[in-house]
Amino acid sequence: MTDEPTRLLLDRFVSTIRPALPLVSVWAHGSLAGGDYRPGHSDLDLIAVLERPCTEAEEQWLVDMHEDLDGAVPLASGLHCGYTVATEWDDPARSHLTWAHGEIMRRPVTPVTRRELHDFGLVLHGEPPAALLPPVTDRQLADFVITDMRAFWRPSLDRPELWTRDIWVDLGLLTLARATATLQDGRLITKGEALDVLHGLGAPAELVEDVRRRRYGGPGPVPEGWIARRAELTRAFLVPAIERTVAAYRP
């Protein structure tokens, strides 16, 4: 992490929650920790570990704090944080208090996130992940990846209206590529590396370059009819690719 706005935002976030909550640790995962972070493009994916669950008053304080931060610092709109309890890591399916996409919710810390934290998690405060977080086996990781593709991504491809949006195209393509690397040898790869994997999987070159341009280049004019064509190309590629990957998995 080299850019000053991101560093200042993270420093401000940690210094704000530290006196207000029973804080044990704060960790970064995702692009920031993995070395593929792009200010203004990438989310800031964080985990805050607490000594105990938040009270109702503390939950409301968190909502107010995040909303205030979002209004004051442009990059803060992409700051997502799960608030976990140090003694509640045993079950990967357990839901934890989370701020993401401008709202409070509860969701699990997935095996992918857990493996990221172990492999290259960035410690912003307190104890490192290895001191608190149970290890993730290759089997647990692979089972999760396959279930995610089978139960979430494949059904979503039956809804054509989703695939006119940048976020669905990007995440759908990159998730397949990253899952492929994980299933082959247990690796977690960056989004940048996933673009190269997509070429090897036979993804249409114009799709891969579309994702690359928006993530690593800059916004440009969209040719007439491209959004609809892109949606068709994406679905035509992902449906059989996901089905082959799921069918080939042998636990």
Protein backbone atom coordinates (compact mmCIF):
# COMPACT_ATOMS: atom_id res chain seq x y z
CA MET A 1 0.00 0.00 0.00
CA THR A 2 1.66 3.18 -1.19
CA ASP A 3 -0.94 5.86 -1.79
CA GLU A 4 -1.41 8.46 0.90
CA PRO A 5 -5.24 8.82 0.76
CA THR A 6 -5.73 5.11 1.44
CA ARG A 7 -3.22 5.10 4.29
CA LEU A 8 -4.88 8.13 5.89
CA LEU A 9 -8.33 6.56 5.55
CA LEU A 10 -7.21 3.32 7.21
CA ASP A 11 -5.41 5.19 9.98
CA ARG A 12 -8.52 7.25 10.61
CA PHE A 13 -10.75 4.17 10.63
CA VAL A 14 -8.61 2.25 13.13
CA SER A 15 -8.11 5.27 15.39
CA THR A 16 -11.88 5.87 15.40
CA ILE A 17 -13.02 2.36 16.30
CA ARG A 18 -10.18 1.55 18.70
CA PRO A 19 -11.47 3.61 21.69
CA ALA A 20 -15.14 2.89 20.93
CA LEU A 21 -15.14 -0.92 20.67
CA PRO A 22 -13.43 -3.81 22.53
CA LEU A 23 -10.94 -4.15 19.68
CA VAL A 24 -8.44 -7.03 19.42
CA SER A 25 -7.20 -6.78 15.83
CA VAL A 26 -7.88 -5.21 12.44
CA TRP A 27 -6.82 -7.05 9.29
CA ALA A 28 -6.98 -6.29 5.58
CA HIS A 29 -7.53 -8.95 2.93
CA GLY A 30 -8.53 -8.85 -0.73
CA SER A 31 -6.76 -6.59 -3.22
CA LEU A 32 -5.15 -4.35 -0.61
CA ALA A 33 -3.38 -7.25 1.10
CA GLY A 34 -2.73 -9.20 -2.09
CA GLY A 35 -0.87 -6.40 -3.87
CA ASP A 36 -3.46 -5.70 -6.59
CA TYR A 37 -5.13 -2.69 -4.98
CA ARG A 38 -6.22 0.17 -7.27
CA PRO A 39 -7.31 3.36 -5.42
CA GLY A 40 -10.77 4.37 -6.51
CA HIS A 41 -11.37 1.01 -8.24
CA SER A 42 -10.75 -1.62 -5.56
CA ASP A 43 -12.74 -2.13 -2.38
CA LEU A 44 -11.01 -1.98 0.99
CA ASP A 45 -11.82 -5.33 2.60
CA LEU A 46 -11.25 -5.39 6.36
CA ILE A 47 -11.94 -7.61 9.36
CA ALA A 48 -12.14 -6.15 12.86
CA VAL A 49 -11.86 -8.73 15.64
CA LEU A 50 -13.61 -7.86 18.91
CA GLU A 51 -13.45 -9.31 22.42
CA ARG A 52 -17.25 -9.69 22.56
CA PRO A 53 -20.33 -9.07 20.39
CA CYS A 54 -21.44 -5.48 19.85
CA THR A 55 -24.34 -4.15 21.88
CA GLU A 56 -27.32 -2.56 20.11
CA ALA A 57 -25.92 0.86 20.95
CA GLU A 58 -22.54 -0.09 19.50
CA GLU A 59 -24.15 -1.41 16.33
CA GLN A 60 -25.93 1.91 15.85
CA TRP A 61 -22.68 3.74 16.53
CA LEU A 62 -21.03 1.68 13.79
CA VAL A 63 -23.75 2.61 11.30
CA ASP A 64 -23.40 6.30 12.15
CA MET A 65 -19.61 6.11 12.02
CA HIS A 66 -19.52 4.45 8.61
CA GLU A 67 -22.10 6.85 7.18
CA ASP A 68 -20.14 9.83 8.49
CA LEU A 69 -16.92 8.40 7.07
CA ASP A 70 -18.55 7.76 3.69
CA GLY A 71 -19.71 11.37 3.57
CA ALA A 72 -16.32 12.80 4.52
CA VAL A 73 -13.80 10.66 2.61
CA PRO A 74 -14.42 9.61 -1.03
CA LEU A 75 -12.54 6.30 -0.78
CA ALA A 76 -14.57 5.31 2.30
CA SER A 77 -17.55 4.26 0.20
CA GLY A 78 -15.51 1.17 -0.76
CA LEU A 79 -14.47 0.34 2.81
CA HIS A 80 -16.16 -2.89 3.90
CA CYS A 81 -15.58 -4.38 7.34
CA GLY A 82 -16.70 -7.53 9.09
CA TYR A 83 -16.92 -7.27 12.88
CA THR A 84 -16.14 -10.71 14.28
CA VAL A 85 -15.74 -11.99 17.83
CA ALA A 86 -12.42 -13.61 18.75
CA THR A 87 -14.15 -16.69 20.21
CA GLU A 88 -16.53 -17.22 17.25
CA TRP A 89 -14.21 -18.39 14.48
CA ASP A 90 -15.01 -22.10 14.82
CA ASP A 91 -17.84 -22.29 12.26
CA PRO A 92 -17.14 -20.85 8.77
CA ALA A 93 -20.92 -20.66 8.16
CA ARG A 94 -21.50 -18.40 11.17
CA SER A 95 -22.70 -14.92 10.19
CA HIS A 96 -20.93 -11.86 11.56
CA LEU A 97 -21.90 -8.23 11.80
CA THR A 98 -20.69 -6.53 8.61
CA TRP A 99 -20.72 -3.09 7.03
CA ALA A 100 -20.69 -3.35 3.22
CA HIS A 101 -22.17 -1.47 0.28
CA GLY A 102 -23.54 1.27 2.48
CA GLU A 103 -25.50 -0.87 4.93
CA ILE A 104 -25.20 -3.07 7.99
CA MET A 105 -25.78 -6.79 7.53
CA ARG A 106 -24.67 -10.18 8.77
CA ARG A 107 -22.69 -12.59 6.62
CA PRO A 108 -20.01 -15.29 7.03
CA VAL A 109 -16.27 -14.85 6.71
CA THR A 110 -15.81 -17.31 3.87
CA PRO A 111 -13.08 -19.94 3.54
CA VAL A 112 -11.59 -17.83 0.71
CA THR A 113 -11.32 -14.79 2.98
CA ARG A 114 -9.94 -16.93 5.81
CA ARG A 115 -7.25 -18.39 3.53
CA GLU A 116 -6.39 -14.89 2.25
CA LEU A 117 -5.93 -13.73 5.83
CA HIS A 118 -3.61 -16.63 6.59
CA ASP A 119 -1.61 -16.39 3.37
CA PHE A 120 -1.16 -12.65 3.03
CA GLY A 121 -3.41 -10.79 5.46
CA LEU A 122 -2.23 -7.31 6.35
CA VAL A 123 -2.22 -6.49 10.08
CA LEU A 124 -3.42 -2.93 10.70
CA HIS A 125 -3.76 -3.36 14.47
CA GLY A 126 -3.26 -6.05 17.11
CA GLU A 127 -2.69 -9.79 16.77
CA PRO A 128 -1.98 -11.46 13.39
CA PRO A 129 -4.52 -13.86 11.84
CA ALA A 130 -2.47 -16.95 12.71
CA ALA A 131 -2.91 -16.17 16.41
CA LEU A 132 -6.72 -16.20 16.29
CA LEU A 133 -8.02 -17.76 13.10
CA PRO A 134 -8.29 -21.55 12.55
CA PRO A 135 -6.47 -22.81 9.44
CA VAL A 136 -8.36 -23.57 6.22
CA THR A 137 -7.63 -26.90 4.53
CA ASP A 138 -7.35 -27.25 0.75
CA ARG A 139 -10.46 -29.45 0.83
CA GLN A 140 -12.51 -26.84 2.71
CA LEU A 141 -11.39 -24.18 0.24
CA ALA A 142 -12.17 -26.28 -2.83
CA ASP A 143 -15.58 -27.39 -1.50
CA PHE A 144 -16.53 -23.76 -0.90
CA VAL A 145 -15.40 -22.66 -4.37
CA ILE A 146 -17.42 -25.40 -6.08
CA THR A 147 -20.52 -24.72 -3.99
CA ASP A 148 -20.28 -21.01 -4.78
CA MET A 149 -20.15 -21.69 -8.51
CA ARG A 150 -22.87 -24.34 -8.42
CA ALA A 151 -25.34 -22.63 -6.08
CA PHE A 152 -24.76 -18.94 -6.84
CA TRP A 153 -22.97 -18.20 -10.10
CA ARG A 154 -24.56 -20.81 -12.34
CA PRO A 155 -28.18 -19.90 -11.37
CA SER A 156 -27.39 -16.20 -11.77
CA LEU A 157 -26.58 -16.80 -15.43
CA ASP A 158 -30.25 -17.67 -16.01
CA ARG A 159 -31.09 -14.02 -15.30
CA PRO A 160 -29.95 -12.11 -18.42
CA GLU A 161 -30.77 -8.70 -16.96
CA LEU A 162 -27.94 -9.00 -14.42
CA TRP A 163 -25.26 -9.35 -17.06
CA THR A 164 -25.67 -5.89 -18.56
CA ARG A 165 -23.94 -4.52 -15.45
CA ASP A 166 -20.16 -4.12 -15.19
CA ILE A 167 -19.97 -5.61 -11.71
CA TRP A 168 -21.60 -8.91 -12.72
CA VAL A 169 -19.44 -9.30 -15.82
CA ASP A 170 -16.25 -8.53 -13.89
CA LEU A 171 -16.95 -10.71 -10.88
CA GLY A 172 -18.39 -13.59 -12.88
CA LEU A 173 -15.37 -13.85 -15.16
CA LEU A 174 -12.78 -13.26 -12.45
CA THR A 175 -14.43 -15.68 -10.02
CA LEU A 176 -14.24 -18.50 -12.56
CA ALA A 177 -10.57 -17.82 -13.25
CA ARG A 178 -9.64 -17.56 -9.59
CA ALA A 179 -11.64 -20.70 -8.77
CA THR A 180 -9.78 -22.57 -11.51
CA ALA A 181 -6.41 -21.68 -9.98
CA THR A 182 -7.60 -22.65 -6.51
CA LEU A 183 -8.93 -26.02 -7.65
CA GLN A 184 -5.74 -26.80 -9.58
CA ASP A 185 -3.22 -26.20 -6.81
CA GLY A 186 -4.81 -24.37 -3.88
CA ARG A 187 -3.53 -20.95 -4.97
CA LEU A 188 -5.35 -17.70 -4.39
CA ILE A 189 -4.57 -15.37 -7.29
CA THR A 190 -5.15 -11.65 -7.78
CA LYS A 191 -7.68 -10.19 -10.19
CA GLY A 192 -4.82 -9.13 -12.43
CA GLU A 193 -3.50 -12.69 -12.57
CA ALA A 194 -7.04 -13.95 -13.17
CA LEU A 195 -7.22 -11.99 -16.43
CA ASP A 196 -4.30 -14.02 -17.76
CA VAL A 197 -5.96 -17.26 -16.64
CA LEU A 198 -9.12 -16.28 -18.54
CA HIS A 199 -7.18 -16.24 -21.80
CA GLY A 200 -6.07 -19.81 -21.10
CA LEU A 201 -9.66 -20.86 -20.43
CA GLY A 202 -10.73 -19.62 -23.84
CA ALA A 203 -12.61 -16.51 -22.78
CA PRO A 204 -13.27 -14.12 -25.69
CA ALA A 205 -10.36 -11.68 -25.90
CA GLU A 206 -12.68 -8.68 -26.17
CA LEU A 207 -14.29 -9.61 -22.84
CA VAL A 208 -10.96 -9.92 -21.07
CA GLU A 209 -9.74 -6.61 -22.47
CA ASP A 210 -12.99 -4.91 -21.45
CA VAL A 211 -12.42 -5.93 -17.83
CA ARG A 212 -8.73 -5.04 -17.99
CA ARG A 213 -9.41 -1.58 -19.42
CA ARG A 214 -11.94 -0.67 -16.73
CA ARG A 215 -9.78 -1.97 -13.89
CA TYR A 216 -6.32 -0.89 -15.01
CA GLY A 217 -6.95 1.73 -17.67
CA GLY A 218 -9.54 4.45 -17.65
CA PRO A 219 -13.15 5.00 -18.69
CA GLY A 220 -13.70 5.44 -22.38
CA PRO A 221 -16.54 5.58 -24.88
CA VAL A 222 -18.75 2.49 -25.05
CA PRO A 223 -19.46 1.39 -28.63
CA GLU A 224 -23.11 1.20 -29.57
CA GLY A 225 -24.57 -2.22 -28.80
CA TRP A 226 -21.52 -3.35 -26.80
CA ILE A 227 -23.29 -3.77 -23.45
CA ALA A 228 -25.87 -6.17 -24.90
CA ARG A 229 -23.23 -8.03 -26.93
CA ARG A 230 -20.95 -8.25 -23.89
CA ALA A 231 -23.76 -9.78 -21.83
CA GLU A 232 -24.38 -12.42 -24.49
CA LEU A 233 -20.69 -13.24 -24.82
CA THR A 234 -20.24 -13.49 -21.06
CA ARG A 235 -23.18 -15.82 -20.53
CA ALA A 236 -22.27 -17.95 -23.56
CA PHE A 237 -18.77 -18.44 -22.14
CA LEU A 238 -19.55 -18.81 -18.44
CA VAL A 239 -22.46 -21.26 -18.58
CA PRO A 240 -20.51 -24.18 -20.11
CA ALA A 241 -17.26 -23.21 -18.37
CA ILE A 242 -18.85 -23.32 -14.91
CA GLU A 243 -20.75 -26.50 -15.69
CA ARG A 244 -17.52 -28.21 -16.84
CA THR A 245 -15.65 -27.08 -13.76
CA VAL A 246 -18.35 -28.29 -11.38
CA ALA A 247 -18.75 -31.63 -13.18
CA ALA A 248 -15.01 -32.27 -13.16
CA TYR A 249 -14.55 -31.70 -9.43
CA ARG A 250 -13.66 -34.88 -7.55
CA PRO A 251 -13.32 -34.29 -3.78
